[in-house]
Amino acid sequence: MQLKLFYPKGSGSIFETLRLRKPLIVVVNEDLMDNHQSELADELANRKHLYCASPQTLHQTISDMDLNSLLPYTPGDATPVANYINRFLGFPDD
């Protein structure tokens, strides 16, 4: 298995990688004040879409991971939420 390293700039990069159906290990930046990245990564790891590690646990995560256990991520449909917000703001329905 060949790993590709890149340094994502946040949750958008996480979701883009999942949409491409690539295996992913998220190593969260524990120095952030509001660690929403950690909350997102933990939730997606619990749903078996990716692996989540800290710098201290990365080696063990790589050793233990089974890529066949990951489940494909299916993005939700944001259309109903967008339509609701548009109606609330007074925009006409499409």
N, C-alpha and C. Protein backbone atom coordinates (compact mmCIF):
# COMPACT_ATOMS: atom_id res chain seq x y z
N MET A 1 0.84 -1.17 0.00
CA MET A 1 0.00 0.00 0.00
C MET A 1 0.89 1.23 0.00
N GLN A 2 0.63 2.13 -0.90
CA GLN A 2 1.39 3.37 -0.98
C GLN A 2 0.56 4.50 -0.39
N LEU A 3 1.16 5.23 0.53
CA LEU A 3 0.49 6.37 1.14
C LEU A 3 0.91 7.65 0.44
N LYS A 4 -0.04 8.52 0.22
CA LYS A 4 0.27 9.84 -0.32
C LYS A 4 0.05 10.85 0.79
N LEU A 5 1.01 11.70 0.97
CA LEU A 5 0.92 12.70 2.02
C LEU A 5 0.52 14.05 1.44
N PHE A 6 -0.38 14.71 2.09
CA PHE A 6 -0.69 16.09 1.76
C PHE A 6 -1.17 16.76 3.02
N TYR A 7 -1.13 18.04 3.00
CA TYR A 7 -1.47 18.82 4.18
C TYR A 7 -2.75 19.60 3.90
N PRO A 8 -3.89 19.02 4.27
CA PRO A 8 -5.16 19.68 3.97
C PRO A 8 -5.34 20.96 4.78
N LYS A 9 -6.20 21.78 4.28
CA LYS A 9 -6.46 23.07 4.92
C LYS A 9 -7.80 23.07 5.65
N GLY A 10 -8.29 21.92 6.05
CA GLY A 10 -9.51 21.90 6.85
C GLY A 10 -10.51 20.86 6.39
N SER A 11 -11.74 21.05 6.85
CA SER A 11 -12.78 20.06 6.60
C SER A 11 -13.11 19.91 5.12
N GLY A 12 -12.96 20.97 4.33
CA GLY A 12 -13.21 20.86 2.90
C GLY A 12 -12.32 19.83 2.24
N SER A 13 -11.07 19.79 2.64
CA SER A 13 -10.13 18.81 2.09
C SER A 13 -10.50 17.40 2.52
N ILE A 14 -10.99 17.26 3.74
CA ILE A 14 -11.43 15.95 4.22
C ILE A 14 -12.58 15.45 3.36
N PHE A 15 -13.59 16.29 3.16
CA PHE A 15 -14.75 15.86 2.38
C PHE A 15 -14.39 15.62 0.91
N GLU A 16 -13.50 16.42 0.36
CA GLU A 16 -13.08 16.21 -1.03
C GLU A 16 -12.40 14.85 -1.18
N THR A 17 -11.54 14.49 -0.25
CA THR A 17 -10.87 13.20 -0.30
C THR A 17 -11.88 12.06 -0.17
N LEU A 18 -12.85 12.21 0.72
CA LEU A 18 -13.88 11.19 0.86
C LEU A 18 -14.73 11.06 -0.39
N ARG A 19 -15.06 12.18 -1.03
CA ARG A 19 -15.83 12.14 -2.28
C ARG A 19 -15.07 11.41 -3.38
N LEU A 20 -13.75 11.52 -3.35
CA LEU A 20 -12.92 10.82 -4.33
C LEU A 20 -12.73 9.34 -3.98
N ARG A 21 -13.30 8.93 -2.87
CA ARG A 21 -13.25 7.54 -2.39
C ARG A 21 -11.82 7.06 -2.19
N LYS A 22 -11.02 7.94 -1.60
CA LYS A 22 -9.64 7.61 -1.26
C LYS A 22 -9.55 7.33 0.24
N PRO A 23 -8.76 6.33 0.64
CA PRO A 23 -8.57 6.10 2.08
C PRO A 23 -7.88 7.30 2.71
N LEU A 24 -8.25 7.59 3.93
CA LEU A 24 -7.77 8.82 4.55
C LEU A 24 -7.48 8.60 6.03
N ILE A 25 -6.34 9.12 6.45
CA ILE A 25 -6.02 9.24 7.87
C ILE A 25 -5.94 10.73 8.17
N VAL A 26 -6.78 11.19 9.06
CA VAL A 26 -6.75 12.60 9.46
C VAL A 26 -5.92 12.69 10.74
N VAL A 27 -4.88 13.48 10.69
CA VAL A 27 -4.07 13.77 11.87
C VAL A 27 -4.41 15.19 12.28
N VAL A 28 -5.14 15.30 13.37
CA VAL A 28 -5.68 16.61 13.75
C VAL A 28 -4.62 17.48 14.40
N ASN A 29 -4.80 18.77 14.20
CA ASN A 29 -3.95 19.77 14.82
C ASN A 29 -4.49 20.03 16.22
N GLU A 30 -3.85 19.44 17.20
CA GLU A 30 -4.34 19.53 18.58
C GLU A 30 -4.10 20.91 19.20
N ASP A 31 -3.38 21.78 18.52
CA ASP A 31 -3.09 23.11 19.06
C ASP A 31 -4.19 24.13 18.76
N LEU A 32 -5.18 23.75 17.97
CA LEU A 32 -6.25 24.69 17.64
C LEU A 32 -7.13 24.93 18.87
N MET A 33 -7.56 26.17 19.04
CA MET A 33 -8.40 26.52 20.19
C MET A 33 -9.77 25.83 20.08
N ASP A 34 -10.46 26.03 18.97
CA ASP A 34 -11.76 25.41 18.73
C ASP A 34 -11.50 24.24 17.80
N ASN A 35 -11.36 23.06 18.36
CA ASN A 35 -10.90 21.93 17.57
C ASN A 35 -12.06 21.22 16.87
N HIS A 36 -12.76 21.96 15.99
CA HIS A 36 -13.85 21.37 15.23
C HIS A 36 -13.34 20.30 14.28
N GLN A 37 -12.10 20.41 13.83
CA GLN A 37 -11.52 19.40 12.94
C GLN A 37 -11.47 18.05 13.66
N SER A 38 -11.13 18.05 14.92
CA SER A 38 -11.08 16.82 15.70
C SER A 38 -12.47 16.22 15.85
N GLU A 39 -13.46 17.05 16.13
CA GLU A 39 -14.83 16.56 16.28
C GLU A 39 -15.33 15.93 14.98
N LEU A 40 -15.05 16.59 13.85
CA LEU A 40 -15.46 16.06 12.55
C LEU A 40 -14.74 14.75 12.26
N ALA A 41 -13.44 14.72 12.45
CA ALA A 41 -12.66 13.52 12.17
C ALA A 41 -13.10 12.36 13.06
N ASP A 42 -13.36 12.64 14.33
CA ASP A 42 -13.82 11.58 15.24
C ASP A 42 -15.16 11.01 14.78
N GLU A 43 -16.08 11.88 14.39
CA GLU A 43 -17.40 11.42 13.94
C GLU A 43 -17.28 10.59 12.67
N LEU A 44 -16.50 11.05 11.70
CA LEU A 44 -16.35 10.30 10.45
C LEU A 44 -15.60 9.00 10.68
N ALA A 45 -14.68 8.97 11.64
CA ALA A 45 -13.99 7.72 11.99
C ALA A 45 -14.97 6.75 12.65
N ASN A 46 -15.83 7.26 13.53
CA ASN A 46 -16.85 6.40 14.16
C ASN A 46 -17.79 5.80 13.13
N ARG A 47 -18.03 6.53 12.05
CA ARG A 47 -18.89 6.03 10.97
C ARG A 47 -18.12 5.16 9.97
N LYS A 48 -16.84 4.93 10.24
CA LYS A 48 -15.97 4.06 9.43
C LYS A 48 -15.67 4.61 8.04
N HIS A 49 -15.62 5.95 7.90
CA HIS A 49 -15.29 6.56 6.61
C HIS A 49 -13.81 6.89 6.50
N LEU A 50 -13.12 7.00 7.62
CA LEU A 50 -11.70 7.36 7.63
C LEU A 50 -11.08 6.91 8.94
N TYR A 51 -9.79 7.07 9.03
CA TYR A 51 -9.07 6.85 10.29
C TYR A 51 -8.66 8.20 10.85
N CYS A 52 -8.66 8.29 12.15
CA CYS A 52 -8.29 9.52 12.83
C CYS A 52 -7.16 9.21 13.80
N ALA A 53 -6.16 10.07 13.81
CA ALA A 53 -5.00 9.85 14.68
C ALA A 53 -4.50 11.18 15.20
N SER A 54 -3.68 11.09 16.21
CA SER A 54 -2.91 12.24 16.68
C SER A 54 -1.47 11.98 16.26
N PRO A 55 -0.61 12.97 16.34
CA PRO A 55 0.80 12.70 16.01
C PRO A 55 1.37 11.55 16.85
N GLN A 56 0.91 11.43 18.08
CA GLN A 56 1.42 10.39 18.97
C GLN A 56 0.89 9.00 18.61
N THR A 57 -0.29 8.90 17.99
CA THR A 57 -0.89 7.60 17.68
C THR A 57 -0.81 7.23 16.20
N LEU A 58 -0.20 8.08 15.38
CA LEU A 58 -0.19 7.84 13.94
C LEU A 58 0.46 6.51 13.58
N HIS A 59 1.61 6.21 14.15
CA HIS A 59 2.30 4.95 13.82
C HIS A 59 1.42 3.75 14.14
N GLN A 60 0.79 3.75 15.30
CA GLN A 60 -0.08 2.64 15.69
C GLN A 60 -1.30 2.56 14.80
N THR A 61 -1.87 3.70 14.42
CA THR A 61 -3.03 3.72 13.54
C THR A 61 -2.68 3.10 12.20
N ILE A 62 -1.54 3.46 11.64
CA ILE A 62 -1.11 2.88 10.36
C ILE A 62 -0.89 1.38 10.51
N SER A 63 -0.29 0.96 11.60
CA SER A 63 -0.04 -0.47 11.82
C SER A 63 -1.33 -1.27 11.94
N ASP A 64 -2.34 -0.69 12.57
CA ASP A 64 -3.58 -1.41 12.86
C ASP A 64 -4.65 -1.29 11.78
N MET A 65 -4.54 -0.33 10.88
CA MET A 65 -5.66 -0.04 9.99
C MET A 65 -5.91 -1.16 8.98
N ASP A 66 -7.17 -1.33 8.65
CA ASP A 66 -7.63 -2.27 7.63
C ASP A 66 -8.46 -1.46 6.64
N LEU A 67 -7.87 -1.15 5.50
CA LEU A 67 -8.56 -0.29 4.53
C LEU A 67 -9.85 -0.91 4.01
N ASN A 68 -9.94 -2.24 4.05
CA ASN A 68 -11.17 -2.90 3.60
C ASN A 68 -12.34 -2.67 4.55
N SER A 69 -12.06 -2.21 5.75
CA SER A 69 -13.15 -1.97 6.71
C SER A 69 -13.78 -0.58 6.54
N LEU A 70 -13.15 0.28 5.73
CA LEU A 70 -13.71 1.62 5.52
C LEU A 70 -14.96 1.56 4.65
N LEU A 71 -15.93 2.37 4.99
CA LEU A 71 -17.17 2.46 4.23
C LEU A 71 -17.16 3.70 3.35
N PRO A 72 -17.71 3.60 2.14
CA PRO A 72 -17.76 4.78 1.27
C PRO A 72 -18.60 5.89 1.90
N TYR A 73 -18.15 7.11 1.69
CA TYR A 73 -18.88 8.28 2.18
C TYR A 73 -19.84 8.74 1.09
N THR A 74 -21.10 8.91 1.46
CA THR A 74 -22.10 9.42 0.53
C THR A 74 -22.52 10.80 1.02
N PRO A 75 -22.22 11.85 0.24
CA PRO A 75 -22.59 13.20 0.67
C PRO A 75 -24.11 13.34 0.78
N GLY A 76 -24.54 14.13 1.73
CA GLY A 76 -25.96 14.41 1.88
C GLY A 76 -26.44 15.39 0.82
N ASP A 77 -27.74 15.49 0.69
CA ASP A 77 -28.34 16.43 -0.25
C ASP A 77 -28.70 17.71 0.50
N ALA A 78 -27.99 18.78 0.19
CA ALA A 78 -28.21 20.05 0.88
C ALA A 78 -29.35 20.86 0.27
N THR A 79 -29.97 20.36 -0.79
CA THR A 79 -31.02 21.11 -1.48
C THR A 79 -32.18 21.50 -0.56
N PRO A 80 -32.72 20.59 0.25
CA PRO A 80 -33.84 21.00 1.12
C PRO A 80 -33.45 22.11 2.10
N VAL A 81 -32.26 22.06 2.64
CA VAL A 81 -31.82 23.11 3.57
C VAL A 81 -31.65 24.43 2.83
N ALA A 82 -31.04 24.39 1.65
CA ALA A 82 -30.85 25.61 0.86
C ALA A 82 -32.19 26.22 0.47
N ASN A 83 -33.15 25.37 0.07
CA ASN A 83 -34.48 25.87 -0.29
C ASN A 83 -35.17 26.52 0.90
N TYR A 84 -35.05 25.91 2.07
CA TYR A 84 -35.66 26.47 3.28
C TYR A 84 -35.07 27.84 3.60
N ILE A 85 -33.76 27.94 3.53
CA ILE A 85 -33.09 29.22 3.83
C ILE A 85 -33.50 30.28 2.80
N ASN A 86 -33.55 29.89 1.53
CA ASN A 86 -33.96 30.84 0.48
C ASN A 86 -35.38 31.34 0.72
N ARG A 87 -36.29 30.44 1.08
CA ARG A 87 -37.68 30.86 1.36
C ARG A 87 -37.71 31.78 2.57
N PHE A 88 -36.95 31.45 3.61
CA PHE A 88 -36.90 32.28 4.81
C PHE A 88 -36.40 33.68 4.48
N LEU A 89 -35.45 33.78 3.56
CA LEU A 89 -34.89 35.07 3.18
C LEU A 89 -35.73 35.79 2.13
N GLY A 90 -36.79 35.14 1.68
CA GLY A 90 -37.70 35.78 0.74
C GLY A 90 -37.36 35.60 -0.72
N PHE A 91 -36.44 34.71 -1.03
CA PHE A 91 -36.12 34.45 -2.43
C PHE A 91 -37.16 33.50 -3.02
N PRO A 92 -37.47 33.66 -4.31
CA PRO A 92 -38.47 32.78 -4.93
C PRO A 92 -37.91 31.36 -5.11
N ASP A 93 -38.84 30.38 -5.11
CA ASP A 93 -38.43 29.00 -5.39
C ASP A 93 -38.01 28.90 -6.85
N ASP A 94 -37.06 28.03 -7.09
CA ASP A 94 -36.60 27.82 -8.49
C ASP A 94 -37.60 27.04 -9.29
